[in-house]
Every structure is written in C-alpha cells, then in structure tokens.
C-alpha cells in the first residue's frame, strides 16, 4: 500500500513542474496554456493582440 502512495506522489510532482524559466514564448507572443505534442506537454504560445 505504501508503494502505491509513493508512485502517485512522484507522478504528481513530475507533471506539476513542466517549464522552468521566466518566459517560454518568443517576443510578441504569450502563453495561453499547454498543448500535447508527441506525447509531452509544450507551451501554447499565440501572438499578442
């Protein structure tokens, strides 16, 4: 039973921190969420209006 809790906790921790750094998008773009690309999460950057 203890191993199940450890696996669940480590899975949450690994999916929680996806991006490190100040801004994942180029200048003139803003992040509106995350997209799935090739089975991993990437920032969804769209042009600023």
C-alpha atoms as a PDB file:
ATOM      1  CA  UNK A   1       0.000   0.000   0.000  1.00  0.00           C
ATOM      2  CA  UNK A   2       2.865   2.409   0.736  1.00  0.00           C
ATOM      3  CA  UNK A   3       4.378   1.928  -2.732  1.00  0.00           C
ATOM      4  CA  UNK A   4       1.100   2.968  -4.382  1.00  0.00           C
ATOM      5  CA  UNK A   5       1.093   6.253  -2.486  1.00  0.00           C
ATOM      6  CA  UNK A   6       4.736   6.897  -3.376  1.00  0.00           C
ATOM      7  CA  UNK A   7       4.075   6.280  -7.071  1.00  0.00           C
ATOM      8  CA  UNK A   8       1.075   8.614  -7.050  1.00  0.00           C
ATOM      9  CA  UNK A   9       3.007  11.334  -5.226  1.00  0.00           C
ATOM     10  CA  UNK A  10       6.001  11.122  -7.550  1.00  0.00           C
ATOM     11  CA  UNK A  11       3.743  11.158 -10.611  1.00  0.00           C
ATOM     12  CA  UNK A  12       2.035  14.354  -9.405  1.00  0.00           C
ATOM     13  CA  UNK A  13       5.367  16.005  -8.678  1.00  0.00           C
ATOM     14  CA  UNK A  14       6.781  15.191 -12.113  1.00  0.00           C
ATOM     15  CA  UNK A  15       3.746  16.521 -14.022  1.00  0.00           C
ATOM     16  CA  UNK A  16       3.447  19.648 -11.902  1.00  0.00           C
ATOM     17  CA  UNK A  17       6.755  21.258 -12.919  1.00  0.00           C
ATOM     18  CA  UNK A  18       6.807  21.386 -16.703  1.00  0.00           C
ATOM     19  CA  UNK A  19       8.595  24.615 -17.581  1.00  0.00           C
ATOM     20  CA  UNK A  20      11.486  26.310 -15.826  1.00  0.00           C
ATOM     21  CA  UNK A  21      12.480  29.843 -16.681  1.00  0.00           C
ATOM     22  CA  UNK A  22      10.922  33.263 -16.990  1.00  0.00           C
ATOM     23  CA  UNK A  23       9.063  33.052 -20.337  1.00  0.00           C
ATOM     24  CA  UNK A  24       8.726  30.045 -22.670  1.00  0.00           C
ATOM     25  CA  UNK A  25       7.453  32.112 -25.627  1.00  0.00           C
ATOM     26  CA  UNK A  26       9.147  34.391 -28.152  1.00  0.00           C
ATOM     27  CA  UNK A  27       8.872  38.180 -28.012  1.00  0.00           C
ATOM     28  CA  UNK A  28       5.426  39.306 -29.108  1.00  0.00           C
ATOM     29  CA  UNK A  29       3.822  36.000 -28.046  1.00  0.00           C
ATOM     30  CA  UNK A  30       2.045  34.983 -24.854  1.00  0.00           C
ATOM     31  CA  UNK A  31       1.316  31.601 -23.298  1.00  0.00           C
ATOM     32  CA  UNK A  32      -2.362  30.639 -23.118  1.00  0.00           C
ATOM     33  CA  UNK A  33      -1.967  27.104 -21.798  1.00  0.00           C
ATOM     34  CA  UNK A  34      -0.335  23.835 -22.731  1.00  0.00           C
ATOM     35  CA  UNK A  35      -0.594  21.613 -25.823  1.00  0.00           C
ATOM     36  CA  UNK A  36       0.326  17.943 -26.207  1.00  0.00           C
ATOM     37  CA  UNK A  37       2.941  17.287 -28.873  1.00  0.00           C
ATOM     38  CA  UNK A  38       4.439  13.826 -29.438  1.00  0.00           C
ATOM     39  CA  UNK A  39       3.147  12.681 -26.037  1.00  0.00           C
ATOM     40  CA  UNK A  40       4.587  15.535 -23.952  1.00  0.00           C
ATOM     41  CA  UNK A  41       3.283  18.918 -22.819  1.00  0.00           C
ATOM     42  CA  UNK A  42       4.563  22.075 -24.514  1.00  0.00           C
ATOM     43  CA  UNK A  43       3.580  25.754 -24.024  1.00  0.00           C
ATOM     44  CA  UNK A  44       0.778  27.070 -26.259  1.00  0.00           C
ATOM     45  CA  UNK A  45       2.206  30.404 -27.475  1.00  0.00           C
ATOM     46  CA  UNK A  46      -0.010  32.719 -29.529  1.00  0.00           C
ATOM     47  CA  UNK A  47       0.646  36.223 -30.905  1.00  0.00           C
ATOM     48  CA  UNK A  48      -0.271  39.096 -28.568  1.00  0.00           C
ATOM     49  CA  UNK A  49      -3.150  41.228 -29.753  1.00  0.00           C
END
